[in-house]
Amino acid sequence: MNTQHSELFDDLCRGYRLFAALGWGDTGDGHISLRDPERSDHFWLLRYGVPFTEASVDQLVLLDPDGNVVDGEGTVNNPAFRIHHPILTARPDIVSIAHTHTPWGTPFSAEVRPVEPITQEACFFFEDVALFDDEEVQIQDLAGGERIAQCIGKKHSIILRNHGLVTAGTTVASAIVRFVLLERVCAAHLRTRNAKPISVDAARYAQTDLTRPIAFENMFRYLTRHHGVC
């Protein structure tokens, strides 16, 4: 691991610990990846068996394109590789992907319906979240991950039917913030059954203003500080 990029690895660990602070991943489900800054076809994950609360740089492992651990010690669960590798391969612009099972995102995914601009936060995802209408909730092989990658296309988020949420970003911060916000948006959809969406023009305007790169970075810092994640 190159210490020149230590801040990237620190953010990855903060992302895991933030998920833990929010009560997610307590049964070992979920994973957050970071594309290696020097070997673009490799990526880092927290090794399997480490609670998110204990995520640290020395607990990370690097996977090669075949799913082998080539740096660090330990293993990862197979679905992690099967989901992250195809998306990162198809999207060279993406640096990080986040996925875990959450109280609102998972039940919302079972309704198999799109996200609508019914709140300000929902505008982050206007025309930028895909719906993976596929019954393979346990991703069996790379072909399943490739279907997810094909479905997400150029978008930054995807709802996996009867499974949960996946978000991606050009930084760890943007992938994590998208995930936190998408979970809140799913809660709004399930709590407010008769919501009236705003117009297309209004949603696009809000999205342009809300999704500036600095906004993701600022929100990530706020979230980690608010939840005591250092």
C-alpha atoms as a PDB file:
ATOM      1  CA  MET A   1       0.000   0.000   0.000  1.00  0.00           C
ATOM      2  CA  ASN A   2       1.457   3.328  -1.091  1.00  0.00           C
ATOM      3  CA  THR A   3       1.383   5.826   1.807  1.00  0.00           C
ATOM      4  CA  GLN A   4       1.366   8.623  -0.785  1.00  0.00           C
ATOM      5  CA  HIS A   5      -2.358   7.963  -1.100  1.00  0.00           C
ATOM      6  CA  SER A   6      -3.051   7.551   2.622  1.00  0.00           C
ATOM      7  CA  GLU A   7      -5.990   9.983   2.619  1.00  0.00           C
ATOM      8  CA  LEU A   8      -7.835   7.806   0.099  1.00  0.00           C
ATOM      9  CA  PHE A   9      -7.477   4.746   2.326  1.00  0.00           C
ATOM     10  CA  ASP A  10      -8.434   6.747   5.403  1.00  0.00           C
ATOM     11  CA  ASP A  11     -11.634   7.865   3.675  1.00  0.00           C
ATOM     12  CA  LEU A  12     -12.436   4.259   2.773  1.00  0.00           C
ATOM     13  CA  CYS A  13     -12.119   3.241   6.418  1.00  0.00           C
ATOM     14  CA  ARG A  14     -14.154   6.262   7.528  1.00  0.00           C
ATOM     15  CA  GLY A  15     -16.878   5.156   5.109  1.00  0.00           C
ATOM     16  CA  TYR A  16     -17.090   1.736   6.747  1.00  0.00           C
ATOM     17  CA  ARG A  17     -17.102   3.235  10.245  1.00  0.00           C
ATOM     18  CA  LEU A  18     -19.794   5.725   9.225  1.00  0.00           C
ATOM     19  CA  PHE A  19     -21.985   2.854   8.022  1.00  0.00           C
ATOM     20  CA  ALA A  20     -21.439   1.223  11.415  1.00  0.00           C
ATOM     21  CA  ALA A  21     -22.353   4.464  13.227  1.00  0.00           C
ATOM     22  CA  LEU A  22     -25.607   4.510  11.258  1.00  0.00           C
ATOM     23  CA  GLY A  23     -26.345   0.947  12.356  1.00  0.00           C
ATOM     24  CA  TRP A  24     -25.603  -0.728   9.031  1.00  0.00           C
ATOM     25  CA  GLY A  25     -23.540  -3.823   8.246  1.00  0.00           C
ATOM     26  CA  ASP A  26     -23.872  -5.329  11.711  1.00  0.00           C
ATOM     27  CA  THR A  27     -24.334  -8.844  10.310  1.00  0.00           C
ATOM     28  CA  GLY A  28     -21.344  -8.564   7.989  1.00  0.00           C
ATOM     29  CA  ASP A  29     -23.413  -7.669   4.934  1.00  0.00           C
ATOM     30  CA  GLY A  30     -22.143  -4.937   2.679  1.00  0.00           C
ATOM     31  CA  HIS A  31     -18.917  -3.615   1.256  1.00  0.00           C
ATOM     32  CA  ILE A  32     -17.276  -0.391   0.101  1.00  0.00           C
ATOM     33  CA  SER A  33     -14.554  -0.451  -2.535  1.00  0.00           C
ATOM     34  CA  LEU A  34     -11.726   1.842  -3.579  1.00  0.00           C
ATOM     35  CA  ARG A  35     -10.066   1.524  -6.976  1.00  0.00           C
ATOM     36  CA  ASP A  36      -6.312   1.314  -6.507  1.00  0.00           C
ATOM     37  CA  PRO A  37      -4.832   4.694  -7.499  1.00  0.00           C
ATOM     38  CA  GLU A  38      -1.931   3.060  -9.382  1.00  0.00           C
ATOM     39  CA  ARG A  39      -3.321  -0.276 -10.630  1.00  0.00           C
ATOM     40  CA  SER A  40      -6.682   0.735 -12.028  1.00  0.00           C
ATOM     41  CA  ASP A  41      -7.869  -2.857 -12.534  1.00  0.00           C
ATOM     42  CA  HIS A  42      -7.346  -3.620  -8.816  1.00  0.00           C
ATOM     43  CA  PHE A  43      -9.484  -2.473  -5.905  1.00  0.00           C
ATOM     44  CA  TRP A  44      -9.470  -2.447  -2.106  1.00  0.00           C
ATOM     45  CA  LEU A  45     -12.090  -3.775   0.320  1.00  0.00           C
ATOM     46  CA  LEU A  46     -12.262  -4.381   4.048  1.00  0.00           C
ATOM     47  CA  ARG A  47     -11.313  -7.983   4.632  1.00  0.00           C
ATOM     48  CA  TYR A  48     -14.101 -10.367   5.535  1.00  0.00           C
ATOM     49  CA  GLY A  49     -14.855 -10.848   9.225  1.00  0.00           C
ATOM     50  CA  VAL A  50     -13.799  -7.381  10.409  1.00  0.00           C
ATOM     51  CA  PRO A  51     -16.713  -5.419  11.939  1.00  0.00           C
ATOM     52  CA  PHE A  52     -17.273  -2.089  10.234  1.00  0.00           C
ATOM     53  CA  THR A  53     -16.638  -0.391  13.577  1.00  0.00           C
ATOM     54  CA  GLU A  54     -13.039  -1.677  13.477  1.00  0.00           C
ATOM     55  CA  ALA A  55     -12.221  -0.733   9.883  1.00  0.00           C
ATOM     56  CA  SER A  56      -8.626   0.414   9.612  1.00  0.00           C
ATOM     57  CA  VAL A  57      -6.035   0.646   6.871  1.00  0.00           C
ATOM     58  CA  ASP A  58      -4.230  -2.491   8.014  1.00  0.00           C
ATOM     59  CA  GLN A  59      -7.496  -4.454   7.638  1.00  0.00           C
ATOM     60  CA  LEU A  60      -7.854  -3.647   3.930  1.00  0.00           C
ATOM     61  CA  VAL A  61      -7.071  -6.134   1.165  1.00  0.00           C
ATOM     62  CA  LEU A  62      -6.330  -5.541  -2.509  1.00  0.00           C
ATOM     63  CA  LEU A  63      -8.018  -7.703  -5.146  1.00  0.00           C
ATOM     64  CA  ASP A  64      -6.673  -8.303  -8.641  1.00  0.00           C
ATOM     65  CA  PRO A  65      -8.927  -8.732 -11.726  1.00  0.00           C
ATOM     66  CA  ASP A  66      -9.343 -12.429 -10.913  1.00  0.00           C
ATOM     67  CA  GLY A  67     -10.479 -11.802  -7.357  1.00  0.00           C
ATOM     68  CA  ASN A  68      -7.215 -12.880  -5.740  1.00  0.00           C
ATOM     69  CA  VAL A  69      -5.895 -11.046  -2.672  1.00  0.00           C
ATOM     70  CA  VAL A  70      -2.543  -9.601  -3.707  1.00  0.00           C
ATOM     71  CA  ASP A  71      -1.937  -7.187  -0.826  1.00  0.00           C
ATOM     72  CA  GLY A  72      -3.021  -7.466   2.779  1.00  0.00           C
ATOM     73  CA  GLU A  73      -4.124 -10.610   4.583  1.00  0.00           C
ATOM     74  CA  GLY A  74      -7.527 -12.269   4.590  1.00  0.00           C
ATOM     75  CA  THR A  75     -10.418 -12.864   2.218  1.00  0.00           C
ATOM     76  CA  VAL A  76     -13.560 -11.102   1.013  1.00  0.00           C
ATOM     77  CA  ASN A  77     -17.002 -12.557   0.437  1.00  0.00           C
ATOM     78  CA  ASN A  78     -17.548 -13.607  -3.151  1.00  0.00           C
ATOM     79  CA  PRO A  79     -20.570 -11.363  -3.879  1.00  0.00           C
ATOM     80  CA  ALA A  80     -18.403  -8.327  -3.090  1.00  0.00           C
ATOM     81  CA  PHE A  81     -16.049  -9.136  -5.938  1.00  0.00           C
ATOM     82  CA  ARG A  82     -18.896 -10.145  -8.248  1.00  0.00           C
ATOM     83  CA  ILE A  83     -20.663  -6.795  -7.781  1.00  0.00           C
ATOM     84  CA  HIS A  84     -17.756  -4.356  -7.595  1.00  0.00           C
ATOM     85  CA  HIS A  85     -15.400  -5.735 -10.236  1.00  0.00           C
ATOM     86  CA  PRO A  86     -17.822  -5.570 -13.215  1.00  0.00           C
ATOM     87  CA  ILE A  87     -18.958  -2.036 -12.376  1.00  0.00           C
ATOM     88  CA  LEU A  88     -15.416  -0.733 -11.890  1.00  0.00           C
ATOM     89  CA  THR A  89     -14.354  -2.429 -15.124  1.00  0.00           C
ATOM     90  CA  ALA A  90     -17.233  -0.929 -17.113  1.00  0.00           C
ATOM     91  CA  ARG A  91     -16.873   2.526 -15.565  1.00  0.00           C
ATOM     92  CA  PRO A  92     -13.296   3.881 -15.551  1.00  0.00           C
ATOM     93  CA  ASP A  93     -14.653   7.149 -14.139  1.00  0.00           C
ATOM     94  CA  ILE A  94     -15.814   5.420 -10.948  1.00  0.00           C
ATOM     95  CA  VAL A  95     -13.415   5.141  -8.011  1.00  0.00           C
ATOM     96  CA  SER A  96     -15.656   3.769  -5.254  1.00  0.00           C
ATOM     97  CA  ILE A  97     -18.814   1.672  -4.874  1.00  0.00           C
ATOM     98  CA  ALA A  98     -20.916   1.217  -1.732  1.00  0.00           C
ATOM     99  CA  HIS A  99     -23.489  -1.425  -0.839  1.00  0.00           C
ATOM    100  CA  THR A 100     -25.098  -2.705   2.329  1.00  0.00           C
ATOM    101  CA  HIS A 101     -28.542  -3.745   3.526  1.00  0.00           C
ATOM    102  CA  THR A 102     -30.529  -0.980   5.199  1.00  0.00           C
ATOM    103  CA  PRO A 103     -33.874  -0.537   6.976  1.00  0.00           C
ATOM    104  CA  TRP A 104     -35.446   1.542   4.189  1.00  0.00           C
ATOM    105  CA  GLY A 105     -33.475   0.794   1.035  1.00  0.00           C
ATOM    106  CA  THR A 106     -34.052  -2.946   1.155  1.00  0.00           C
ATOM    107  CA  PRO A 107     -37.846  -2.814   1.614  1.00  0.00           C
ATOM    108  CA  PHE A 108     -38.105  -0.034  -0.968  1.00  0.00           C
ATOM    109  CA  SER A 109     -36.224  -2.257  -3.424  1.00  0.00           C
ATOM    110  CA  ALA A 110     -38.939  -4.892  -2.961  1.00  0.00           C
ATOM    111  CA  GLU A 111     -41.515  -2.490  -4.387  1.00  0.00           C
ATOM    112  CA  VAL A 112     -39.600  -2.366  -7.692  1.00  0.00           C
ATOM    113  CA  ARG A 113     -40.452   1.248  -8.425  1.00  0.00           C
ATOM    114  CA  PRO A 114     -38.358   4.248  -9.425  1.00  0.00           C
ATOM    115  CA  VAL A 115     -37.177   7.107  -7.268  1.00  0.00           C
ATOM    116  CA  GLU A 116     -39.161  10.304  -7.893  1.00  0.00           C
ATOM    117  CA  PRO A 117     -38.246  13.926  -7.024  1.00  0.00           C
ATOM    118  CA  ILE A 118     -40.513  14.165  -3.986  1.00  0.00           C
ATOM    119  CA  THR A 119     -37.915  15.761  -1.667  1.00  0.00           C
ATOM    120  CA  GLN A 120     -34.879  17.969  -2.056  1.00  0.00           C
ATOM    121  CA  GLU A 121     -32.599  15.005  -1.369  1.00  0.00           C
ATOM    122  CA  ALA A 122     -34.406  12.976  -4.014  1.00  0.00           C
ATOM    123  CA  CYS A 123     -33.245  15.515  -6.598  1.00  0.00           C
ATOM    124  CA  PHE A 124     -29.697  14.220  -6.165  1.00  0.00           C
ATOM    125  CA  PHE A 125     -30.893  11.093  -7.946  1.00  0.00           C
ATOM    126  CA  PHE A 126     -33.131  12.568 -10.637  1.00  0.00           C
ATOM    127  CA  GLU A 127     -32.470  10.615 -13.858  1.00  0.00           C
ATOM    128  CA  ASP A 128     -29.401   9.148 -12.129  1.00  0.00           C
ATOM    129  CA  VAL A 129     -30.618   5.957 -10.424  1.00  0.00           C
ATOM    130  CA  ALA A 130     -31.242   2.700 -12.271  1.00  0.00           C
ATOM    131  CA  LEU A 131     -33.634  -0.094 -11.315  1.00  0.00           C
ATOM    132  CA  PHE A 132     -32.262  -3.644 -11.581  1.00  0.00           C
ATOM    133  CA  ASP A 133     -35.401  -5.732 -12.049  1.00  0.00           C
ATOM    134  CA  ASP A 134     -33.772  -9.126 -11.623  1.00  0.00           C
ATOM    135  CA  GLU A 135     -34.608 -11.904  -9.159  1.00  0.00           C
ATOM    136  CA  GLU A 136     -31.007 -12.970  -8.582  1.00  0.00           C
ATOM    137  CA  VAL A 137     -30.737 -11.467  -5.105  1.00  0.00           C
ATOM    138  CA  GLN A 138     -27.738 -13.666  -4.300  1.00  0.00           C
ATOM    139  CA  ILE A 139     -25.227 -12.765  -6.993  1.00  0.00           C
ATOM    140  CA  GLN A 140     -23.965 -16.164  -8.096  1.00  0.00           C
ATOM    141  CA  ASP A 141     -21.182 -15.228 -10.494  1.00  0.00           C
ATOM    142  CA  LEU A 142     -19.575 -12.436 -12.473  1.00  0.00           C
ATOM    143  CA  ALA A 143     -22.361 -12.656 -15.053  1.00  0.00           C
ATOM    144  CA  GLY A 144     -24.771 -11.378 -12.405  1.00  0.00           C
ATOM    145  CA  GLY A 145     -22.479  -8.470 -11.629  1.00  0.00           C
ATOM    146  CA  GLU A 146     -22.093  -7.737 -15.319  1.00  0.00           C
ATOM    147  CA  ARG A 147     -25.868  -7.450 -15.648  1.00  0.00           C
ATOM    148  CA  ILE A 148     -25.841  -4.948 -12.792  1.00  0.00           C
ATOM    149  CA  ALA A 149     -23.056  -2.995 -14.490  1.00  0.00           C
ATOM    150  CA  GLN A 150     -24.967  -2.974 -17.772  1.00  0.00           C
ATOM    151  CA  CYS A 151     -28.122  -1.790 -16.002  1.00  0.00           C
ATOM    152  CA  ILE A 152     -26.459   1.057 -14.129  1.00  0.00           C
ATOM    153  CA  GLY A 153     -24.955   2.309 -17.383  1.00  0.00           C
ATOM    154  CA  LYS A 154     -23.706   5.870 -16.903  1.00  0.00           C
ATOM    155  CA  LYS A 155     -25.727   6.464 -13.742  1.00  0.00           C
ATOM    156  CA  HIS A 156     -24.270   6.640 -10.241  1.00  0.00           C
ATOM    157  CA  SER A 157     -26.826   4.612  -8.274  1.00  0.00           C
ATOM    158  CA  ILE A 158     -28.856   1.472  -8.730  1.00  0.00           C
ATOM    159  CA  ILE A 159     -31.623  -0.246  -6.789  1.00  0.00           C
ATOM    160  CA  LEU A 160     -31.285  -4.026  -6.819  1.00  0.00           C
ATOM    161  CA  ARG A 161     -34.729  -5.604  -6.763  1.00  0.00           C
ATOM    162  CA  ASN A 162     -35.551  -7.296  -3.419  1.00  0.00           C
ATOM    163  CA  HIS A 163     -31.954  -6.696  -2.340  1.00  0.00           C
ATOM    164  CA  GLY A 164     -30.998  -3.101  -1.686  1.00  0.00           C
ATOM    165  CA  LEU A 165     -28.978  -0.109  -2.789  1.00  0.00           C
ATOM    166  CA  VAL A 166     -25.688   0.339  -4.628  1.00  0.00           C
ATOM    167  CA  THR A 167     -24.077   3.727  -5.157  1.00  0.00           C
ATOM    168  CA  ALA A 168     -20.933   4.781  -6.975  1.00  0.00           C
ATOM    169  CA  GLY A 169     -18.775   7.869  -7.155  1.00  0.00           C
ATOM    170  CA  THR A 170     -15.602   9.438  -8.437  1.00  0.00           C
ATOM    171  CA  THR A 171     -14.464   9.564  -4.798  1.00  0.00           C
ATOM    172  CA  VAL A 172     -15.193   7.506  -1.707  1.00  0.00           C
ATOM    173  CA  ALA A 173     -16.905  10.575  -0.270  1.00  0.00           C
ATOM    174  CA  SER A 174     -19.360  10.874  -3.163  1.00  0.00           C
ATOM    175  CA  ALA A 175     -20.204   7.154  -3.137  1.00  0.00           C
ATOM    176  CA  ILE A 176     -20.858   7.225   0.617  1.00  0.00           C
ATOM    177  CA  VAL A 177     -22.885  10.447   0.582  1.00  0.00           C
ATOM    178  CA  ARG A 178     -25.019   9.138  -2.270  1.00  0.00           C
ATOM    179  CA  PHE A 179     -25.701   5.984  -0.283  1.00  0.00           C
ATOM    180  CA  VAL A 180     -26.703   7.852   2.875  1.00  0.00           C
ATOM    181  CA  LEU A 181     -28.968  10.176   0.911  1.00  0.00           C
ATOM    182  CA  LEU A 182     -30.532   7.397  -1.154  1.00  0.00           C
ATOM    183  CA  GLU A 183     -31.430   5.553   2.042  1.00  0.00           C
ATOM    184  CA  ARG A 184     -33.191   8.716   3.254  1.00  0.00           C
ATOM    185  CA  VAL A 185     -34.955   9.079  -0.072  1.00  0.00           C
ATOM    186  CA  CYS A 186     -36.213   5.498   0.141  1.00  0.00           C
ATOM    187  CA  ALA A 187     -37.555   6.266   3.621  1.00  0.00           C
ATOM    188  CA  ALA A 188     -39.395   9.313   2.265  1.00  0.00           C
ATOM    189  CA  HIS A 189     -40.998   7.219  -0.473  1.00  0.00           C
ATOM    190  CA  LEU A 190     -42.185   4.564   1.958  1.00  0.00           C
ATOM    191  CA  ARG A 191     -43.439   7.062   4.534  1.00  0.00           C
ATOM    192  CA  THR A 192     -45.213   9.404   2.110  1.00  0.00           C
ATOM    193  CA  ARG A 193     -47.556   7.459  -0.128  1.00  0.00           C
ATOM    194  CA  ASN A 194     -49.297  10.419  -1.757  1.00  0.00           C
ATOM    195  CA  ALA A 195     -46.337  12.683  -2.405  1.00  0.00           C
ATOM    196  CA  LYS A 196     -46.506  15.013  -5.386  1.00  0.00           C
ATOM    197  CA  PRO A 197     -43.196  15.128  -7.317  1.00  0.00           C
ATOM    198  CA  ILE A 198     -41.813  18.464  -8.450  1.00  0.00           C
ATOM    199  CA  SER A 199     -41.502  19.216 -12.149  1.00  0.00           C
ATOM    200  CA  VAL A 200     -38.759  17.890 -14.402  1.00  0.00           C
ATOM    201  CA  ASP A 201     -37.247  21.343 -14.866  1.00  0.00           C
ATOM    202  CA  ALA A 202     -37.235  22.054 -11.136  1.00  0.00           C
ATOM    203  CA  ALA A 203     -35.688  18.660 -10.375  1.00  0.00           C
ATOM    204  CA  ARG A 204     -32.941  19.108 -12.958  1.00  0.00           C
ATOM    205  CA  TYR A 205     -32.123  22.586 -11.655  1.00  0.00           C
ATOM    206  CA  ALA A 206     -31.894  21.321  -8.090  1.00  0.00           C
ATOM    207  CA  GLN A 207     -29.761  18.358  -9.112  1.00  0.00           C
ATOM    208  CA  THR A 208     -27.254  20.564 -10.939  1.00  0.00           C
ATOM    209  CA  ASP A 209     -26.842  22.739  -7.867  1.00  0.00           C
ATOM    210  CA  LEU A 210     -26.780  19.901  -5.332  1.00  0.00           C
ATOM    211  CA  THR A 211     -24.334  17.545  -7.033  1.00  0.00           C
ATOM    212  CA  ARG A 212     -21.277  19.772  -7.247  1.00  0.00           C
ATOM    213  CA  PRO A 213     -18.129  17.828  -6.226  1.00  0.00           C
ATOM    214  CA  ILE A 214     -17.471  20.119  -3.266  1.00  0.00           C
ATOM    215  CA  ALA A 215     -20.968  19.381  -1.956  1.00  0.00           C
ATOM    216  CA  PHE A 216     -20.197  15.663  -1.660  1.00  0.00           C
ATOM    217  CA  GLU A 217     -16.903  16.332   0.080  1.00  0.00           C
ATOM    218  CA  ASN A 218     -18.483  18.766   2.531  1.00  0.00           C
ATOM    219  CA  MET A 219     -21.341  16.421   3.375  1.00  0.00           C
ATOM    220  CA  PHE A 220     -18.943  13.523   3.906  1.00  0.00           C
ATOM    221  CA  ARG A 221     -16.939  15.615   6.394  1.00  0.00           C
ATOM    222  CA  TYR A 222     -20.117  16.735   8.160  1.00  0.00           C
ATOM    223  CA  LEU A 223     -21.413  13.176   8.392  1.00  0.00           C
ATOM    224  CA  THR A 224     -18.192  11.725   9.749  1.00  0.00           C
ATOM    225  CA  ARG A 225     -17.745  14.504  12.303  1.00  0.00           C
ATOM    226  CA  HIS A 226     -21.389  14.417  13.375  1.00  0.00           C
ATOM    227  CA  HIS A 227     -21.221  10.675  14.001  1.00  0.00           C
ATOM    228  CA  GLY A 228     -17.817  10.828  15.682  1.00  0.00           C
ATOM    229  CA  VAL A 229     -15.984   9.028  12.890  1.00  0.00           C
ATOM    230  CA  CYS A 230     -12.401  10.279  12.816  1.00  0.00           C
END
